[in-house]
Amino acid sequence: MHSSQNITHRNRLAAVGYIPIANFLIFAAHRREKFVARHTLNGILLTIYFFAAYFLIPDFGNFVAIIFAAIAVGGFIHASAGQKFDLPLIGDFVDWLAKTFDKKQKEI
């Protein structure tokens, strides 16, 4: 059973996983913790989508990027509260990625 201090630390790590660049570092260090890995993968995918929308979609890229940023803020809030957060349309993909990285870590 986790102490409340460990859960608070876990929630903070998961929340920071939505901040670009920090999410890659946190995932590399804590990919075995399912809660942190799941939120961090959400953050990584949102970061990729944000920059892709901003640079690749002419005229409307700014608006689409703002939507991805708002979703990241929602994920940050859910993670800091210790709640699961599923991204629309790609939640299953994030689950698959988290399981894949967990399996690879166990094999090593």
C-alpha atoms as a PDB file:
ATOM      1  CA  MET A   1       0.000   0.000   0.000  1.00  0.00           C
ATOM      2  CA  HIS A   2       1.305   3.443  -0.923  1.00  0.00           C
ATOM      3  CA  SER A   3       1.646   6.184   1.605  1.00  0.00           C
ATOM      4  CA  SER A   4      -0.033   9.492   0.870  1.00  0.00           C
ATOM      5  CA  GLN A   5       3.378  11.078   0.280  1.00  0.00           C
ATOM      6  CA  ASN A   6       4.195   8.540  -2.464  1.00  0.00           C
ATOM      7  CA  ILE A   7       0.795   9.072  -4.089  1.00  0.00           C
ATOM      8  CA  THR A   8       1.264  12.850  -4.032  1.00  0.00           C
ATOM      9  CA  HIS A   9       4.714  12.475  -5.614  1.00  0.00           C
ATOM     10  CA  ARG A  10       3.281  10.142  -8.251  1.00  0.00           C
ATOM     11  CA  ASN A  11       0.491  12.609  -9.044  1.00  0.00           C
ATOM     12  CA  ARG A  12       2.965  15.469  -9.401  1.00  0.00           C
ATOM     13  CA  LEU A  13       5.175  13.459 -11.742  1.00  0.00           C
ATOM     14  CA  ALA A  14       2.174  12.510 -13.846  1.00  0.00           C
ATOM     15  CA  ALA A  15       1.004  16.132 -13.989  1.00  0.00           C
ATOM     16  CA  VAL A  16       4.428  17.415 -15.042  1.00  0.00           C
ATOM     17  CA  GLY A  17       4.294  14.769 -17.776  1.00  0.00           C
ATOM     18  CA  TYR A  18       2.065  17.138 -19.734  1.00  0.00           C
ATOM     19  CA  ILE A  19       4.788  19.786 -19.978  1.00  0.00           C
ATOM     20  CA  PRO A  20       6.776  19.560 -23.243  1.00  0.00           C
ATOM     21  CA  ILE A  21      10.344  18.240 -22.989  1.00  0.00           C
ATOM     22  CA  ALA A  22       9.847  17.371 -19.316  1.00  0.00           C
ATOM     23  CA  ASN A  23       7.472  14.629 -20.429  1.00  0.00           C
ATOM     24  CA  PHE A  24      10.235  12.784 -22.314  1.00  0.00           C
ATOM     25  CA  LEU A  25      12.538  12.913 -19.306  1.00  0.00           C
ATOM     26  CA  ILE A  26       9.863  11.764 -16.863  1.00  0.00           C
ATOM     27  CA  PHE A  27       8.809   8.921 -19.142  1.00  0.00           C
ATOM     28  CA  ALA A  28      12.399   7.742 -19.487  1.00  0.00           C
ATOM     29  CA  ALA A  29      12.833   7.682 -15.721  1.00  0.00           C
ATOM     30  CA  HIS A  30       9.405   6.386 -14.615  1.00  0.00           C
ATOM     31  CA  ARG A  31       8.027   4.257 -17.448  1.00  0.00           C
ATOM     32  CA  ARG A  32       7.494   1.292 -15.109  1.00  0.00           C
ATOM     33  CA  GLU A  33       4.925   3.156 -13.020  1.00  0.00           C
ATOM     34  CA  LYS A  34       1.684   2.693 -14.934  1.00  0.00           C
ATOM     35  CA  PHE A  35      -0.063   5.838 -13.732  1.00  0.00           C
ATOM     36  CA  VAL A  36       2.898   8.097 -14.497  1.00  0.00           C
ATOM     37  CA  ALA A  37       3.685   6.372 -17.809  1.00  0.00           C
ATOM     38  CA  ARG A  38       0.106   6.658 -19.027  1.00  0.00           C
ATOM     39  CA  HIS A  39      -0.159  10.385 -18.304  1.00  0.00           C
ATOM     40  CA  THR A  40       3.323  11.046 -19.638  1.00  0.00           C
ATOM     41  CA  LEU A  41       2.532   9.250 -22.893  1.00  0.00           C
ATOM     42  CA  ASN A  42      -0.612  11.367 -23.165  1.00  0.00           C
ATOM     43  CA  GLY A  43       1.585  14.437 -22.726  1.00  0.00           C
ATOM     44  CA  ILE A  44       4.096  13.273 -25.326  1.00  0.00           C
ATOM     45  CA  LEU A  45       1.389  12.630 -27.900  1.00  0.00           C
ATOM     46  CA  LEU A  46      -0.269  15.970 -27.171  1.00  0.00           C
ATOM     47  CA  THR A  47       3.084  17.717 -27.578  1.00  0.00           C
ATOM     48  CA  ILE A  48       3.593  16.059 -30.957  1.00  0.00           C
ATOM     49  CA  TYR A  49       0.039  16.917 -32.063  1.00  0.00           C
ATOM     50  CA  PHE A  50       0.398  20.491 -30.833  1.00  0.00           C
ATOM     51  CA  PHE A  51       3.539  21.168 -32.865  1.00  0.00           C
ATOM     52  CA  ALA A  52       2.233  19.276 -35.890  1.00  0.00           C
ATOM     53  CA  ALA A  53      -0.981  21.294 -35.889  1.00  0.00           C
ATOM     54  CA  TYR A  54       0.832  24.569 -35.321  1.00  0.00           C
ATOM     55  CA  PHE A  55       3.340  24.103 -38.130  1.00  0.00           C
ATOM     56  CA  LEU A  56       1.540  21.874 -40.652  1.00  0.00           C
ATOM     57  CA  ILE A  57      -2.034  23.169 -40.814  1.00  0.00           C
ATOM     58  CA  PRO A  58      -2.192  26.455 -42.681  1.00  0.00           C
ATOM     59  CA  ASP A  59      -4.474  29.187 -41.333  1.00  0.00           C
ATOM     60  CA  PHE A  60      -6.248  27.071 -38.699  1.00  0.00           C
ATOM     61  CA  GLY A  61      -3.199  25.501 -37.067  1.00  0.00           C
ATOM     62  CA  ASN A  62      -3.190  28.046 -34.254  1.00  0.00           C
ATOM     63  CA  PHE A  63      -6.758  27.205 -33.295  1.00  0.00           C
ATOM     64  CA  VAL A  64      -6.166  23.461 -33.408  1.00  0.00           C
ATOM     65  CA  ALA A  65      -2.982  23.886 -31.356  1.00  0.00           C
ATOM     66  CA  ILE A  66      -4.971  25.811 -28.726  1.00  0.00           C
ATOM     67  CA  ILE A  67      -7.405  22.899 -28.485  1.00  0.00           C
ATOM     68  CA  PHE A  68      -4.520  20.468 -27.889  1.00  0.00           C
ATOM     69  CA  ALA A  69      -3.083  22.825 -25.258  1.00  0.00           C
ATOM     70  CA  ALA A  70      -6.481  22.947 -23.508  1.00  0.00           C
ATOM     71  CA  ILE A  71      -6.657  19.150 -23.500  1.00  0.00           C
ATOM     72  CA  ALA A  72      -3.160  19.061 -21.972  1.00  0.00           C
ATOM     73  CA  VAL A  73      -4.322  21.415 -19.205  1.00  0.00           C
ATOM     74  CA  GLY A  74      -7.237  19.060 -18.540  1.00  0.00           C
ATOM     75  CA  GLY A  75      -4.833  16.134 -18.348  1.00  0.00           C
ATOM     76  CA  PHE A  76      -2.581  18.084 -15.999  1.00  0.00           C
ATOM     77  CA  ILE A  77      -5.521  18.733 -13.678  1.00  0.00           C
ATOM     78  CA  HIS A  78      -6.674  15.103 -13.751  1.00  0.00           C
ATOM     79  CA  ALA A  79      -3.151  13.795 -13.122  1.00  0.00           C
ATOM     80  CA  SER A  80      -2.549  16.109 -10.190  1.00  0.00           C
ATOM     81  CA  ALA A  81      -5.843  14.915  -8.689  1.00  0.00           C
ATOM     82  CA  GLY A  82      -4.812  11.267  -9.166  1.00  0.00           C
ATOM     83  CA  GLN A  83      -7.493  10.521 -11.756  1.00  0.00           C
ATOM     84  CA  LYS A  84      -7.218   8.555 -14.982  1.00  0.00           C
ATOM     85  CA  PHE A  85      -7.457  10.676 -18.140  1.00  0.00           C
ATOM     86  CA  ASP A  86      -8.271   9.173 -21.531  1.00  0.00           C
ATOM     87  CA  LEU A  87      -7.565  11.200 -24.627  1.00  0.00           C
ATOM     88  CA  PRO A  88     -10.372  11.122 -27.157  1.00  0.00           C
ATOM     89  CA  LEU A  89      -9.692   8.777 -30.091  1.00  0.00           C
ATOM     90  CA  ILE A  90      -6.230   7.672 -28.944  1.00  0.00           C
ATOM     91  CA  GLY A  91      -6.807   6.395 -25.402  1.00  0.00           C
ATOM     92  CA  ASP A  92      -6.509   2.760 -26.526  1.00  0.00           C
ATOM     93  CA  PHE A  93      -3.282   3.544 -28.371  1.00  0.00           C
ATOM     94  CA  VAL A  94      -1.807   5.049 -25.194  1.00  0.00           C
ATOM     95  CA  ASP A  95      -2.790   1.909 -23.255  1.00  0.00           C
ATOM     96  CA  TRP A  96      -1.086  -0.257 -25.877  1.00  0.00           C
ATOM     97  CA  LEU A  97       2.073   1.883 -25.802  1.00  0.00           C
ATOM     98  CA  ALA A  98       2.248   1.758 -22.005  1.00  0.00           C
ATOM     99  CA  LYS A  99       1.876  -2.041 -22.022  1.00  0.00           C
ATOM    100  CA  THR A 100       4.489  -2.388 -24.763  1.00  0.00           C
ATOM    101  CA  PHE A 101       7.080  -0.361 -22.864  1.00  0.00           C
ATOM    102  CA  ASP A 102       6.260  -2.246 -19.664  1.00  0.00           C
ATOM    103  CA  LYS A 103       6.788  -5.617 -21.404  1.00  0.00           C
ATOM    104  CA  LYS A 104      10.099  -4.484 -22.923  1.00  0.00           C
ATOM    105  CA  GLN A 105      11.318  -3.341 -19.522  1.00  0.00           C
ATOM    106  CA  LYS A 106      10.473  -6.712 -17.952  1.00  0.00           C
ATOM    107  CA  GLU A 107      12.359  -8.570 -20.690  1.00  0.00           C
ATOM    108  CA  ILE A 108      15.582  -6.647 -20.026  1.00  0.00           C
END
